Amino acid sequence: MTGVTSVGALFLSPASIDRAAQLAAKQLGLLHELLPRATRFAVLVNPDNPIATETTTAELEAAPSSIGVQVEVFRASKNDEIEKAFAVISQMRFDALLVSTGQLFSNRVEFASLAARYAVPTMYYDREFAEVGGLISYGSSLADQYRETGTYTGRVLNGERPIDMPVIQATKFELVINLKTARSLALEIPPTLLARADEVIE
């Protein structure tokens, strides 16, 4: 059974929104691989981006049936809402949390800190969350995205029309695991998952 719980901007193209939703389903699968005995997962989405949030929610409602888990979606964007969400997720004894792509990148230190405080195994969408203490991340390279943005900006400044330029889709995705955080949560990372990691933080 899937539910939506409210506890509290990014503006993307439809194609980008669809890719973000598909990425969330992949992240959920990796989180289940990390915690094969887990049956209850929480997902934190940003209500400030309602279209992306609803698309991601719909994708995640379909994903659990294939792996036999329950998913509940929580909505939060402001710091106090995010902290309240973590408290509720901990009190309700969810096995793990997935932080969706729509959450602000600037809050990454707060997310890692709250996940540690409430001892919630958490999956993130960018490697820098894992670098500041998050347990695991899977997503496209933010540095690559910035480089592509710079390239596109230069082409526009040189006279190209944005409407004539192709949409660039991410092709490289990074799986990063923080072993120090795993040890603090008394988690043993499956060897098969470690072998597929692009980086393991000791």
Protein backbone atom coordinates (compact mmCIF):
# COMPACT_ATOMS: atom_id res chain seq x y z
CA MET A 1 0.00 0.00 0.00
CA THR A 2 1.38 3.41 -0.96
CA GLY A 3 0.46 6.61 0.80
CA VAL A 4 1.28 10.31 0.65
CA THR A 5 1.93 12.21 3.86
CA SER A 6 2.23 16.01 3.90
CA VAL A 7 4.68 17.49 6.44
CA GLY A 8 5.09 20.77 5.03
CA ALA A 9 12.11 25.57 -7.28
CA LEU A 10 13.19 23.67 -9.49
CA PHE A 11 11.62 24.09 -12.96
CA LEU A 12 12.47 21.26 -15.32
CA SER A 13 11.46 20.26 -18.81
CA PRO A 14 8.97 17.38 -19.15
CA ALA A 15 11.79 15.12 -20.40
CA SER A 16 13.95 16.03 -17.40
CA ILE A 17 11.05 15.37 -15.03
CA ASP A 18 10.49 11.92 -16.56
CA ARG A 19 14.19 11.09 -16.24
CA ALA A 20 14.19 12.21 -12.60
CA ALA A 21 11.21 9.94 -11.90
CA GLN A 22 12.92 6.98 -13.58
CA LEU A 23 16.08 7.73 -11.60
CA ALA A 24 14.09 7.61 -8.35
CA ALA A 25 12.87 4.10 -9.21
CA LYS A 26 16.47 3.01 -9.88
CA GLN A 27 17.59 4.56 -6.58
CA LEU A 28 14.84 2.71 -4.74
CA GLY A 29 16.04 -0.55 -6.26
CA LEU A 30 19.63 0.13 -5.16
CA LEU A 31 18.43 1.02 -1.67
CA HIS A 32 16.57 -2.29 -1.50
CA GLU A 33 19.70 -4.08 -2.70
CA LEU A 34 21.61 -2.39 0.12
CA LEU A 35 18.94 -3.45 2.63
CA PRO A 36 17.44 -6.68 1.20
CA ARG A 37 15.39 -7.40 4.33
CA ALA A 38 13.83 -3.93 4.37
CA THR A 39 10.13 -3.72 3.55
CA ARG A 40 9.17 -0.09 4.34
CA PHE A 41 10.75 2.86 2.55
CA ALA A 42 10.10 6.58 2.93
CA VAL A 43 10.63 9.03 0.07
CA LEU A 44 11.12 12.76 0.61
CA VAL A 45 9.95 15.01 -2.24
CA ASN A 46 9.92 18.78 -2.67
CA PRO A 47 6.37 20.23 -2.91
CA ASP A 48 7.81 23.46 -4.39
CA ASN A 49 8.11 21.52 -7.65
CA PRO A 50 4.64 19.96 -7.87
CA ILE A 51 4.83 18.58 -11.43
CA ALA A 52 8.12 16.75 -10.80
CA THR A 53 6.87 15.62 -7.40
CA GLU A 54 3.69 14.06 -8.80
CA THR A 55 5.59 12.37 -11.65
CA THR A 56 8.15 10.93 -9.25
CA THR A 57 5.40 9.81 -6.86
CA ALA A 58 3.56 8.02 -9.67
CA GLU A 59 6.76 6.26 -10.77
CA LEU A 60 7.52 5.12 -7.22
CA GLU A 61 3.96 3.87 -6.70
CA ALA A 62 4.55 1.42 -9.54
CA ALA A 63 8.08 0.35 -8.55
CA PRO A 64 7.45 -1.39 -5.18
CA SER A 65 5.27 -4.14 -6.64
CA SER A 66 8.28 -5.61 -8.44
CA ILE A 67 10.44 -5.80 -5.31
CA GLY A 68 7.77 -6.43 -2.66
CA VAL A 69 8.13 -3.31 -0.52
CA GLN A 70 5.91 -0.51 0.77
CA VAL A 71 6.65 3.13 -0.03
CA GLU A 72 5.29 6.25 1.64
CA VAL A 73 5.96 9.71 0.25
CA PHE A 74 6.62 12.70 2.51
CA ARG A 75 6.61 16.31 1.30
CA ALA A 76 9.03 18.87 2.74
CA SER A 77 11.22 21.69 1.47
CA LYS A 78 11.95 24.10 4.33
CA ASN A 79 14.47 23.24 7.04
CA ASP A 80 11.86 22.81 9.79
CA GLU A 81 9.70 20.63 7.53
CA ILE A 82 12.67 18.45 6.62
CA GLU A 83 13.61 17.95 10.27
CA LYS A 84 9.99 17.12 11.14
CA ALA A 85 9.92 14.58 8.29
CA PHE A 86 13.03 12.85 9.60
CA ALA A 87 11.55 12.71 13.10
CA VAL A 88 8.31 11.16 11.81
CA ILE A 89 10.16 8.69 9.58
CA SER A 90 12.25 7.60 12.56
CA GLN A 91 9.24 7.33 14.89
CA MET A 92 7.34 5.28 12.33
CA ARG A 93 10.38 2.98 12.00
CA PHE A 94 10.82 3.11 8.26
CA ASP A 95 13.74 0.97 7.16
CA ALA A 96 15.28 3.62 4.92
CA LEU A 97 14.75 6.95 3.17
CA LEU A 98 15.17 8.11 -0.42
CA VAL A 99 15.77 11.86 -0.88
CA SER A 100 14.41 12.78 -4.32
CA THR A 101 16.19 14.89 -6.91
CA GLY A 102 13.91 17.87 -6.29
CA GLN A 103 15.39 18.55 -2.84
CA LEU A 104 17.76 21.51 -2.67
CA PHE A 105 21.42 20.62 -3.12
CA SER A 106 22.38 23.39 -0.66
CA ASN A 107 20.74 21.38 2.17
CA ARG A 108 23.08 18.39 1.74
CA VAL A 109 24.95 18.89 5.05
CA GLU A 110 21.66 19.19 6.94
CA PHE A 111 20.35 16.00 5.33
CA ALA A 112 23.47 14.04 6.27
CA SER A 113 23.34 15.40 9.81
CA LEU A 114 19.65 14.54 10.29
CA ALA A 115 20.11 11.07 8.82
CA ALA A 116 22.93 10.45 11.32
CA ARG A 117 20.96 11.88 14.25
CA TYR A 118 17.89 9.75 13.55
CA ALA A 119 19.93 6.74 12.34
CA VAL A 120 18.00 6.52 9.05
CA PRO A 121 19.84 4.84 6.14
CA THR A 122 19.40 7.37 3.34
CA MET A 123 19.91 7.40 -0.43
CA TYR A 124 20.71 10.70 -2.20
CA TYR A 125 20.81 11.87 -5.81
CA ASP A 126 24.31 13.39 -5.92
CA ARG A 127 27.76 12.23 -4.82
CA GLU A 128 28.39 15.36 -2.74
CA PHE A 129 25.75 14.21 -0.25
CA ALA A 130 27.85 11.09 0.36
CA GLU A 131 31.01 13.18 0.52
CA VAL A 132 29.62 15.18 3.47
CA GLY A 133 28.50 12.07 5.37
CA GLY A 134 25.50 10.67 3.53
CA LEU A 135 25.31 6.89 3.30
CA ILE A 136 24.85 6.32 -0.43
CA SER A 137 24.18 8.32 -3.59
CA TYR A 138 23.30 7.52 -7.17
CA GLY A 139 22.85 10.11 -9.88
CA SER A 140 24.37 12.04 -12.72
CA SER A 141 27.55 14.04 -12.17
CA LEU A 142 26.77 17.61 -11.08
CA ALA A 143 30.20 18.71 -12.30
CA ASP A 144 29.39 17.34 -15.76
CA GLN A 145 26.07 19.19 -15.72
CA TYR A 146 27.84 22.46 -14.89
CA ARG A 147 30.31 21.92 -17.73
CA GLU A 148 27.48 21.28 -20.18
CA THR A 149 25.68 24.39 -18.93
CA GLY A 150 28.83 26.44 -19.50
CA THR A 151 29.22 25.03 -23.00
CA TYR A 152 25.61 25.81 -23.88
CA THR A 153 25.90 29.32 -22.45
CA GLY A 154 28.96 29.95 -24.61
CA ARG A 155 27.16 28.72 -27.73
CA VAL A 156 24.19 31.02 -27.04
CA LEU A 157 26.51 33.98 -26.47
CA ASN A 158 28.12 33.18 -29.81
CA GLY A 159 24.80 33.54 -31.57
CA GLU A 160 23.19 30.08 -31.60
CA ARG A 161 19.47 29.93 -30.88
CA PRO A 162 18.54 27.74 -27.89
CA ILE A 163 15.59 26.30 -29.85
CA ASP A 164 18.05 24.90 -32.43
CA MET A 165 20.28 23.24 -29.85
CA PRO A 166 19.72 19.58 -28.90
CA VAL A 167 18.75 18.62 -25.36
CA ILE A 168 21.67 16.92 -23.64
CA GLN A 169 20.75 13.97 -21.45
CA ALA A 170 22.98 12.59 -18.73
CA THR A 171 24.73 9.39 -19.76
CA LYS A 172 27.09 8.94 -16.81
CA PHE A 173 25.68 7.98 -13.42
CA GLU A 174 27.77 7.58 -10.28
CA LEU A 175 27.22 5.21 -7.37
CA VAL A 176 29.03 6.42 -4.24
CA ILE A 177 29.02 4.62 -0.88
CA ASN A 178 30.28 6.05 2.42
CA LEU A 179 31.64 3.12 4.45
CA LYS A 180 32.28 5.27 7.52
CA THR A 181 28.59 6.17 7.63
CA ALA A 182 27.63 2.54 7.02
CA ARG A 183 29.71 1.46 10.02
CA SER A 184 28.08 4.12 12.21
CA LEU A 185 24.69 2.64 11.26
CA ALA A 186 25.97 -0.92 11.85
CA LEU A 187 25.29 -1.75 8.20
CA GLU A 188 27.22 -4.27 6.14
CA ILE A 189 27.31 -3.28 2.48
CA PRO A 190 26.72 -6.26 0.14
CA PRO A 191 29.94 -7.08 -1.74
CA THR A 192 28.11 -7.03 -5.07
CA LEU A 193 27.04 -3.43 -4.43
CA LEU A 194 30.53 -2.40 -3.33
CA ALA A 195 31.96 -3.92 -6.50
CA ARG A 196 29.68 -1.74 -8.64
CA ALA A 197 30.43 1.48 -6.77
CA ASP A 198 32.25 4.21 -8.66
CA GLU A 199 33.72 5.40 -5.37
CA VAL A 200 33.86 4.01 -1.84
CA ILE A 201 34.53 6.61 0.86
CA GLU A 202 36.51 5.15 3.75
